[in-house]
Protein backbone atom coordinates (compact mmCIF):
# COMPACT_ATOMS: atom_id res chain seq x y z
CA MET A 1 122.77 76.72 218.80
CA PRO A 2 120.44 77.46 221.73
CA ASN A 3 117.49 76.22 219.68
CA GLN A 4 119.31 72.99 218.87
CA ALA A 5 120.20 72.46 222.54
CA GLN A 6 116.63 73.05 223.60
CA GLY A 7 115.39 70.67 220.94
CA SER A 8 117.75 67.92 222.06
CA GLU A 9 116.67 68.40 225.66
CA ARG A 10 113.03 68.03 224.64
CA VAL A 11 113.85 64.82 222.76
CA GLU A 12 115.70 63.41 225.77
CA LYS A 13 112.81 64.28 228.10
CA LYS A 14 110.30 62.61 225.79
CA ARG A 15 112.54 59.55 225.52
CA SER A 16 112.97 59.31 229.31
CA LYS A 17 109.21 59.73 229.81
CA ALA A 18 108.54 57.02 227.27
CA VAL A 19 111.02 54.67 228.93
CA GLY A 20 109.67 55.56 232.39
CA GLY A 21 106.12 55.11 231.18
CA ARG A 22 106.90 51.65 229.83
CA GLY A 23 108.62 50.77 233.11
CA ASP A 24 105.61 51.91 235.11
CA VAL A 25 103.28 49.86 232.93
CA VAL A 26 105.47 46.74 233.25
CA PHE A 27 105.82 47.13 237.02
CA ALA A 28 102.08 47.72 237.44
CA GLY A 29 101.35 44.63 235.39
CA VAL A 30 103.77 42.47 237.38
CA ALA A 31 102.34 43.74 240.69
CA LYS A 32 98.77 43.16 239.54
CA GLY A 33 99.66 39.69 238.28
CA ALA A 34 101.27 38.81 241.62
CA GLY A 35 98.17 39.95 243.48
CA ILE A 36 95.90 37.93 241.19
CA LEU A 37 98.18 34.90 241.56
CA ILE A 38 97.93 35.04 245.35
CA ILE A 39 94.13 35.23 245.15
CA LEU A 40 94.06 32.29 242.73
CA LEU A 41 96.30 30.22 244.99
CA LEU A 42 94.12 30.98 247.98
CA GLY A 43 91.03 30.05 245.99
CA ALA A 44 92.69 26.84 244.79
CA VAL A 45 93.51 25.83 248.38
CA ALA A 46 89.95 26.56 249.47
CA PHE A 47 88.51 24.64 246.50
CA PHE A 48 90.73 21.65 247.23
CA LEU A 49 89.77 21.57 250.90
CA ILE A 50 86.05 21.93 250.21
CA SER A 51 85.91 19.42 247.36
CA GLN A 52 87.97 16.78 249.18
CA SER A 53 86.27 17.15 252.57
CA TYR A 54 82.66 17.39 251.36
CA PRO A 55 81.96 13.63 251.78
CA ALA A 56 83.04 13.81 255.42
CA PHE A 57 80.63 16.66 256.10
CA VAL A 58 77.62 14.88 254.59
CA ALA A 59 78.42 11.36 255.87
CA SER A 60 76.16 10.02 258.60
CA ASP A 61 77.42 9.59 262.13
CA GLU A 62 77.17 5.82 261.82
CA THR A 63 79.28 5.81 258.64
CA VAL A 64 81.96 7.99 260.24
CA GLN A 65 82.10 5.85 263.37
CA ALA A 66 82.34 2.66 261.31
CA GLU A 67 84.87 3.74 258.67
CA VAL A 68 87.10 6.21 260.54
CA GLY A 69 89.09 4.29 263.12
CA PHE A 70 90.60 7.14 265.12
CA THR A 71 87.35 8.94 266.03
CA ARG A 72 86.89 6.92 269.26
CA GLY A 73 83.21 6.53 268.51
CA MET A 74 82.62 10.22 267.87
CA SER A 75 80.82 11.83 264.97
CA PHE A 76 82.63 14.29 262.74
CA TRP A 77 81.33 17.36 264.56
CA GLN A 78 81.99 15.89 268.01
CA PHE A 79 85.58 15.11 267.05
CA ALA A 80 86.07 18.43 265.28
CA GLY A 81 84.48 20.36 268.15
CA ALA A 82 86.78 18.76 270.73
CA ALA A 83 89.87 19.38 268.57
CA LEU A 84 88.75 22.94 267.83
CA PHE A 85 88.20 23.57 271.55
CA GLY A 86 91.74 22.42 272.35
CA THR A 87 93.13 24.54 269.52
CA VAL A 88 91.45 27.71 270.71
CA LEU A 89 92.20 27.00 274.40
CA SER A 90 95.93 26.49 273.84
CA ALA A 91 96.13 29.58 271.64
CA LEU A 92 94.31 31.73 274.21
CA ILE A 93 96.63 30.52 276.99
CA ALA A 94 99.63 31.38 274.82
CA LEU A 95 98.22 34.81 274.02
CA THR A 96 97.42 35.55 277.66
CA VAL A 97 100.96 34.69 278.72
CA ALA A 98 102.90 36.15 275.79
CA THR A 99 101.18 39.51 275.26
CA PRO A 100 102.14 41.22 278.57
CA PHE A 101 105.75 40.04 278.25
CA ALA A 102 105.88 41.12 274.59
CA ILE A 103 104.59 44.61 275.42
CA ALA A 104 107.08 44.96 278.28
CA ILE A 105 110.02 43.80 276.14
CA ALA A 106 108.98 46.07 273.26
CA LEU A 107 108.74 49.08 275.60
CA PHE A 108 112.15 48.29 277.07
CA ILE A 109 113.71 48.05 273.60
CA SER A 110 112.04 51.20 272.26
CA HIS A 111 112.14 53.55 275.28
CA TYR A 112 114.45 52.30 278.03
CA ALA A 113 117.42 50.32 276.71
CA PRO A 114 120.54 52.04 275.31
CA ARG A 115 120.55 52.11 271.54
CA ARG A 116 123.35 49.59 271.06
CA PHE A 117 121.91 47.13 273.57
CA SER A 118 118.39 47.53 272.20
CA GLY A 119 119.64 46.61 268.74
CA VAL A 120 121.27 43.43 270.05
CA LEU A 121 118.22 42.51 272.13
CA GLY A 122 115.89 43.11 269.20
CA TYR A 123 118.07 40.89 267.03
CA VAL A 124 117.98 38.09 269.63
CA ILE A 125 114.19 38.35 269.92
CA ASP A 126 113.83 38.15 266.15
CA LEU A 127 116.06 35.07 266.08
CA LEU A 128 113.54 33.19 268.22
CA ALA A 129 111.12 33.29 265.30
CA ALA A 130 113.61 31.33 263.16
CA ILE A 131 113.84 28.35 265.54
CA PRO A 132 111.90 25.35 264.17
CA SER A 133 108.84 24.30 266.11
CA VAL A 134 110.19 20.77 266.59
CA VAL A 135 113.10 22.25 268.54
CA PHE A 136 110.66 24.07 270.80
CA GLY A 137 108.83 20.77 271.29
CA LEU A 138 112.02 18.91 272.25
CA TRP A 139 113.07 21.70 274.59
CA GLY A 140 109.65 21.89 276.19
CA MET A 141 109.43 18.12 276.71
CA HIS A 142 112.94 17.49 278.05
CA THR A 143 113.95 20.80 279.68
CA LEU A 144 110.92 22.92 280.52
CA GLU A 145 108.66 20.11 281.74
CA PRO A 146 110.89 19.04 284.69
CA VAL A 147 111.21 22.70 285.72
CA ILE A 148 107.48 23.44 285.47
CA ARG A 149 106.33 20.24 287.21
CA PRO A 150 107.00 21.37 290.82
CA ILE A 151 105.51 24.79 290.04
CA PHE A 152 102.31 23.18 288.80
CA ALA A 153 102.22 20.98 291.90
CA TRP A 154 102.63 24.02 294.15
CA ILE A 155 99.84 25.91 292.35
CA SER A 156 97.59 22.87 292.63
CA ASP A 157 98.24 22.51 296.37
CA ILE A 158 97.42 26.18 296.96
CA LEU A 159 94.36 26.64 294.75
CA THR A 160 92.61 23.26 294.93
CA PRO A 161 91.36 23.75 298.54
CA VAL A 162 90.18 27.25 297.63
CA LEU A 163 88.11 25.97 294.70
CA GLU A 164 86.77 23.08 296.77
CA TRP A 165 85.50 25.59 299.33
CA TRP A 166 84.07 27.70 296.50
CA VAL A 167 82.09 24.81 295.02
CA ARG A 168 80.92 23.63 298.43
CA SER A 169 79.92 27.02 299.91
CA VAL A 170 78.73 29.28 297.09
CA PRO A 171 75.10 28.59 296.02
CA GLY A 172 74.78 27.19 292.53
CA MET A 173 78.48 26.42 292.05
CA GLY A 174 78.06 22.77 292.99
CA TYR A 175 75.26 22.33 290.46
CA MET A 176 77.31 23.96 287.68
CA ALA A 177 80.35 21.83 288.50
CA GLU A 178 78.36 18.58 288.45
CA ASN A 179 76.32 19.17 285.30
CA PHE A 180 78.57 21.14 282.94
CA ASP A 181 82.03 19.87 281.98
CA TRP A 182 82.97 23.22 280.49
CA TRP A 183 82.35 25.12 283.73
CA PRO A 184 85.81 26.37 284.79
CA LEU A 185 85.44 27.15 288.52
CA THR A 186 85.93 23.63 289.84
CA PRO A 187 88.82 21.93 291.67
CA ASP A 188 89.63 20.09 288.41
CA LEU A 189 90.73 23.41 286.92
CA VAL A 190 94.04 23.29 288.82
CA HIS A 191 94.18 19.62 289.81
CA PHE A 192 97.68 18.62 288.72
CA VAL A 193 98.44 15.09 287.56
CA PRO A 194 102.11 14.52 286.63
CA PRO A 195 103.78 14.60 284.20
CA ALA A 196 103.17 18.18 283.08
CA ARG A 197 102.10 17.19 279.55
CA ASN A 198 98.87 19.15 279.70
CA ILE A 199 97.25 22.01 277.83
CA LEU A 200 98.76 24.62 280.16
CA MET A 201 102.24 23.34 279.39
CA GLY A 202 101.45 23.42 275.69
CA GLY A 203 100.20 26.98 276.04
CA LEU A 204 103.45 28.03 277.71
CA VAL A 205 105.51 26.55 274.88
CA LEU A 206 103.26 28.29 272.36
CA ALA A 207 103.67 31.57 274.26
CA ILE A 208 107.44 31.39 273.80
CA MET A 209 106.94 30.68 270.10
CA VAL A 210 104.62 33.65 269.44
CA LEU A 211 106.58 36.04 271.69
CA PRO A 212 108.96 37.23 268.88
CA ILE A 213 106.07 38.05 266.52
CA ILE A 214 104.14 40.13 269.05
CA THR A 215 107.30 41.80 270.37
CA SER A 216 108.56 42.84 266.93
CA LEU A 217 105.24 44.33 265.86
CA CYS A 218 104.72 46.13 269.18
CA ARG A 219 108.24 47.55 268.98
CA GLU A 220 107.59 49.00 265.54
CA VAL A 221 104.27 50.43 266.71
CA PHE A 222 105.85 52.08 269.75
CA LEU A 223 108.62 53.59 267.62
CA GLN A 224 105.99 55.31 265.46
CA THR A 225 104.75 57.42 268.38
CA PRO A 226 105.21 61.10 267.41
CA GLN A 227 108.34 62.39 269.11
CA LEU A 228 106.76 65.80 269.64
CA GLN A 229 104.05 64.27 271.81
CA GLU A 230 106.60 62.37 273.88
CA GLU A 231 108.70 65.51 274.37
CA ALA A 232 105.61 67.56 275.22
CA ALA A 233 104.61 65.08 277.94
CA LEU A 234 108.13 65.08 279.38
CA GLY A 235 108.29 68.86 279.17
CA LEU A 236 105.11 69.14 281.25
CA GLY A 237 106.78 67.20 284.04
CA ALA A 238 105.64 63.63 283.31
CA THR A 239 107.93 60.80 284.23
CA ARG A 240 109.00 58.35 281.55
CA TRP A 241 106.33 55.83 282.60
CA GLU A 242 103.65 58.54 282.70
CA MET A 243 104.71 59.64 279.22
CA ILE A 244 104.42 56.04 277.97
CA ARG A 245 101.04 55.60 279.65
CA MET A 246 99.63 58.87 278.26
CA THR A 247 101.10 58.85 274.73
CA VAL A 248 102.76 55.61 273.62
CA LEU A 249 100.18 53.07 274.81
CA PRO A 250 97.04 54.98 273.71
CA ILE A 251 98.45 55.66 270.24
CA GLY A 252 99.67 52.07 269.89
CA ARG A 253 96.54 50.39 271.26
CA SER A 254 95.24 49.22 267.89
CA GLY A 255 98.72 48.09 266.88
CA ILE A 256 99.02 46.04 270.07
CA VAL A 257 95.70 44.35 269.34
CA SER A 258 96.80 43.63 265.77
CA ALA A 259 100.10 42.14 266.95
CA ALA A 260 98.29 39.96 269.47
CA MET A 261 95.86 38.69 266.84
CA LEU A 262 98.66 37.87 264.41
CA GLY A 263 100.32 35.95 267.22
CA LEU A 264 97.01 34.20 267.79
CA GLY A 265 96.90 33.18 264.14
CA ARG A 266 100.40 31.75 264.47
CA ALA A 267 99.46 29.81 267.59
CA LEU A 268 96.31 28.34 266.05
CA GLY A 269 98.22 26.56 263.31
CA GLU A 270 101.09 25.16 265.38
CA THR A 271 101.59 21.42 264.98
CA MET A 272 104.82 19.74 266.03
CA ALA A 273 105.48 21.50 269.33
CA LEU A 274 102.05 20.65 270.70
CA LEU A 275 102.16 17.15 269.24
CA MET A 276 105.36 16.48 271.18
CA VAL A 277 104.43 18.26 274.42
CA LEU A 278 100.78 17.28 274.86
CA SER A 279 99.45 13.95 276.05
CA ALA A 280 96.59 14.02 273.59
CA GLY A 281 92.91 13.68 274.46
CA LEU A 282 89.60 14.83 273.03
CA GLN A 283 87.72 16.25 275.99
CA VAL A 284 85.81 19.52 276.20
CA ASN A 285 86.67 20.75 279.69
CA ILE A 286 88.87 23.25 281.49
CA GLN A 287 91.19 20.80 283.26
CA LEU A 288 94.32 22.78 282.54
CA MET A 289 96.79 20.66 284.53
CA SER A 290 95.65 17.12 283.72
CA PRO A 291 97.21 15.16 280.84
CA GLY A 292 95.16 13.30 278.26
CA GLN A 293 92.42 15.94 278.10
CA HIS A 294 92.96 18.09 275.02
CA SER A 295 94.37 18.08 271.54
CA THR A 296 94.45 20.43 268.56
CA ILE A 297 93.32 20.18 264.96
CA ALA A 298 96.83 20.46 263.54
CA SER A 299 98.28 17.84 265.87
CA GLN A 300 95.40 15.42 265.15
CA ILE A 301 96.00 15.76 261.41
CA ALA A 302 99.74 15.15 261.84
CA LEU A 303 99.10 12.25 264.22
CA ASN A 304 96.60 10.37 262.04
CA TRP A 305 97.45 11.27 258.44
CA GLY A 306 100.20 8.69 258.00
CA GLU A 307 97.97 5.84 259.10
CA ALA A 308 94.81 7.01 257.32
CA GLN A 309 93.69 4.40 254.80
CA GLY A 310 92.32 6.82 252.23
CA GLY A 311 88.69 7.38 251.40
CA LEU A 312 86.63 8.74 254.27
CA GLU A 313 89.51 8.75 256.76
CA ARG A 314 91.57 11.20 254.72
CA GLN A 315 88.48 13.20 253.79
CA PHE A 316 87.76 13.44 257.51
CA LEU A 317 91.23 14.88 258.19
CA ILE A 318 90.97 17.26 255.24
CA GLY A 319 87.67 18.46 256.72
CA LEU A 320 89.51 19.26 259.94
CA GLY A 321 92.04 21.17 257.86
CA LEU A 322 89.22 23.16 256.27
CA LEU A 323 87.96 24.19 259.71
CA LEU A 324 91.46 25.28 260.74
CA PHE A 325 91.87 27.15 257.44
CA ALA A 326 88.62 29.03 258.03
CA LEU A 327 89.54 29.82 261.64
CA THR A 328 92.99 31.19 260.81
CA PHE A 329 91.60 33.10 257.84
CA VAL A 330 89.02 34.83 260.05
CA VAL A 331 91.63 35.68 262.69
CA ASN A 332 94.07 37.12 260.16
CA PHE A 333 91.32 39.02 258.37
CA VAL A 334 90.25 40.67 261.62
CA ALA A 335 93.89 41.47 262.40
CA ARG A 336 94.34 43.13 259.01
CA ARG A 337 91.20 45.18 259.50
CA ILE A 338 92.48 46.42 262.84
CA MET A 339 95.89 47.22 261.34
CA ALA A 340 94.20 49.16 258.53
CA ARG A 341 92.26 51.12 261.11
CA TYR A 342 95.49 51.77 263.01
CA SER A 343 97.22 53.13 259.89
CA GLU A 344 94.49 55.75 259.54
CA PHE A 345 95.38 57.13 262.96
CA SER A 346 99.11 56.54 263.04
CA GLY A 347 101.66 58.99 264.28
CA ALA A 348 102.28 60.18 260.75
CA ASN A 349 98.73 61.51 260.63
CA ALA A 350 98.79 63.07 264.07
């Protein structure tokens, strides 16, 4: 009887191993197939963009100016450069505004707020990511713009005389302001022209849109700080802020950078909110408070695609899409590299 029982147990173990082995093989195959499918889809998108936009890249400036009606007399690279400049400028403004607030909110949720309240606040922050961009655009145009307009006017009244004195009194500043449109330290930097449908307003709307992404990632990074290190800092007499400054922020530095770069990637591809908020222009300058100066690649594609007549006009817009695809791909690739580096030195490995 014992021998029979042992024999049946061996049979059951072999059977379970065989079933488990088949399950592992199937799961590994499905996972590998999904990974290959994603790579193929990415390659298909890249192939489509390159093959469809190639004529726009090789067309002469005269051909582009004659056949593409919305270029305003620009060549492909002049138009793309101006749109790319506006894209990067609006995203950088959004990142500059959103990142400090996101870090502060994430620290409050993870280390200051009561547990029940922090859960509710975290849920509300996450809900912001589900709001469609067109709603942000409507809200920014009809609600935020009238509120921001007097603030922009006040900033312009305060800083414009300061920059005028700077350009007039500091050697070399007048020359830079007169000969280089991209030079930022001029009175035009803060010269406000109502309404507030300018790149700074668009950056503020974008900042609200990327705030949930950066906040959620920073919160998770801060929660991974080893509890023993926090308790050791508090046990040595550090205040809560000193503990955060000495343990939480240094350990989460790479995670903060990764969250900011993922937010940057989100801001670079935004379309409808900026299309509705901005008074579009194609200038390469740093006039943050003047309308009709800047635009973005995504908003230009959305603005002109419906009226494009096919041929070179659509190839031109697809070429802009290829540039935006490459830009967002580079940003997200760098973010993933930083996150991979962070995982090597996470609190679990401390």
